[in-house]
């Protein structure tokens, strides 16, 4: 598992990207491929970030399948709260 401030920056970048793609709607399914098209991470890296973010309760993996293993995700209420706290800190 990735730890330290580097991961902190990565998960912040990921969460901001996902919320942006969701148009701030919890029910909006976001294609993992679209997220990765914008972030350009390798398959293993995106897989670990997705699983960790789900463990934190910030996203929910909705569908499985596709070239990156997971198909679609949604942002949870906790994910939107975390996003807002990141924006407030800027």
Protein backbone atom coordinates (compact mmCIF):
# COMPACT_ATOMS: atom_id res chain seq x y z
CA UNK A 1 0.00 0.00 0.00
CA UNK A 2 1.19 3.50 -0.82
CA UNK A 3 1.74 5.67 2.24
CA UNK A 4 3.01 9.12 3.10
CA UNK A 5 2.45 12.55 1.66
CA UNK A 6 2.93 11.37 -1.93
CA UNK A 7 -0.17 9.21 -1.58
CA UNK A 8 -1.99 12.06 0.06
CA UNK A 9 -1.37 14.19 -3.01
CA UNK A 10 -2.36 11.34 -5.30
CA UNK A 11 -5.62 10.62 -3.57
CA UNK A 12 -6.43 14.32 -3.48
CA UNK A 13 -5.79 14.55 -7.21
CA UNK A 14 -7.92 11.45 -7.78
CA UNK A 15 -10.81 12.69 -5.64
CA UNK A 16 -10.83 16.10 -7.34
CA UNK A 17 -10.87 14.43 -10.75
CA UNK A 18 -13.70 12.07 -9.82
CA UNK A 19 -15.86 14.82 -8.31
CA UNK A 20 -15.26 16.96 -11.38
CA UNK A 21 -16.37 14.13 -13.69
CA UNK A 22 -19.41 13.42 -11.50
CA UNK A 23 -20.63 17.00 -11.91
CA UNK A 24 -21.07 16.87 -8.12
CA UNK A 25 -23.88 14.30 -8.30
CA UNK A 26 -23.70 11.25 -6.02
CA UNK A 27 -25.69 9.03 -8.37
CA UNK A 28 -23.49 9.84 -11.39
CA UNK A 29 -21.54 6.76 -12.49
CA UNK A 30 -18.05 7.67 -13.60
CA UNK A 31 -16.12 5.48 -16.01
CA UNK A 32 -12.79 4.46 -14.51
CA UNK A 33 -11.32 4.59 -18.02
CA UNK A 34 -12.28 8.29 -18.26
CA UNK A 35 -10.65 9.02 -14.89
CA UNK A 36 -7.49 7.28 -15.98
CA UNK A 37 -7.50 8.96 -19.40
CA UNK A 38 -7.16 12.24 -17.50
CA UNK A 39 -4.71 11.05 -14.81
CA UNK A 40 -2.63 8.67 -16.97
CA UNK A 41 -1.70 6.26 -14.16
CA UNK A 42 -0.72 2.67 -14.75
CA UNK A 43 -3.25 -0.11 -14.25
CA UNK A 44 -1.83 -1.33 -10.93
CA UNK A 45 -1.69 2.17 -9.49
CA UNK A 46 -5.30 3.02 -10.37
CA UNK A 47 -6.47 -0.36 -9.02
CA UNK A 48 -4.79 0.25 -5.64
CA UNK A 49 -6.10 3.81 -5.39
CA UNK A 50 -9.65 2.68 -6.23
CA UNK A 51 -9.58 -0.07 -3.63
CA UNK A 52 -8.09 2.19 -0.96
CA UNK A 53 -10.55 5.00 -1.67
CA UNK A 54 -13.40 2.51 -1.38
CA UNK A 55 -11.97 1.27 1.95
CA UNK A 56 -12.01 4.88 3.15
CA UNK A 57 -15.65 5.14 2.08
CA UNK A 58 -14.96 7.99 -0.36
CA UNK A 59 -16.07 6.13 -3.49
CA UNK A 60 -18.11 3.07 -4.32
CA UNK A 61 -17.06 0.66 -7.05
CA UNK A 62 -20.25 0.12 -9.06
CA UNK A 63 -19.21 -2.18 -11.91
CA UNK A 64 -16.35 -4.53 -12.57
CA UNK A 65 -14.84 -5.06 -15.99
CA UNK A 66 -12.85 -3.33 -18.66
CA UNK A 67 -9.14 -2.81 -19.22
CA UNK A 68 -8.58 -1.30 -15.76
CA UNK A 69 -10.46 -4.11 -13.92
CA UNK A 70 -13.15 -1.76 -12.60
CA UNK A 71 -15.74 -0.22 -14.90
CA UNK A 72 -17.61 2.52 -13.03
CA UNK A 73 -17.50 4.25 -9.65
CA UNK A 74 -19.62 6.78 -7.77
CA UNK A 75 -18.61 9.32 -5.16
CA UNK A 76 -20.12 8.81 -1.71
CA UNK A 77 -21.44 11.47 0.64
CA UNK A 78 -18.20 11.11 2.62
CA UNK A 79 -16.25 11.58 -0.61
CA UNK A 80 -18.03 14.86 -1.31
CA UNK A 81 -17.36 16.03 2.26
CA UNK A 82 -13.68 15.17 1.91
CA UNK A 83 -13.56 16.97 -1.44
CA UNK A 84 -15.11 20.07 0.09
CA UNK A 85 -12.60 20.04 2.95
CA UNK A 86 -9.76 19.86 0.40
CA UNK A 87 -11.19 22.84 -1.48
CA UNK A 88 -11.62 24.78 1.76
CA UNK A 89 -7.92 24.20 2.60
CA UNK A 90 -6.73 25.70 -0.70
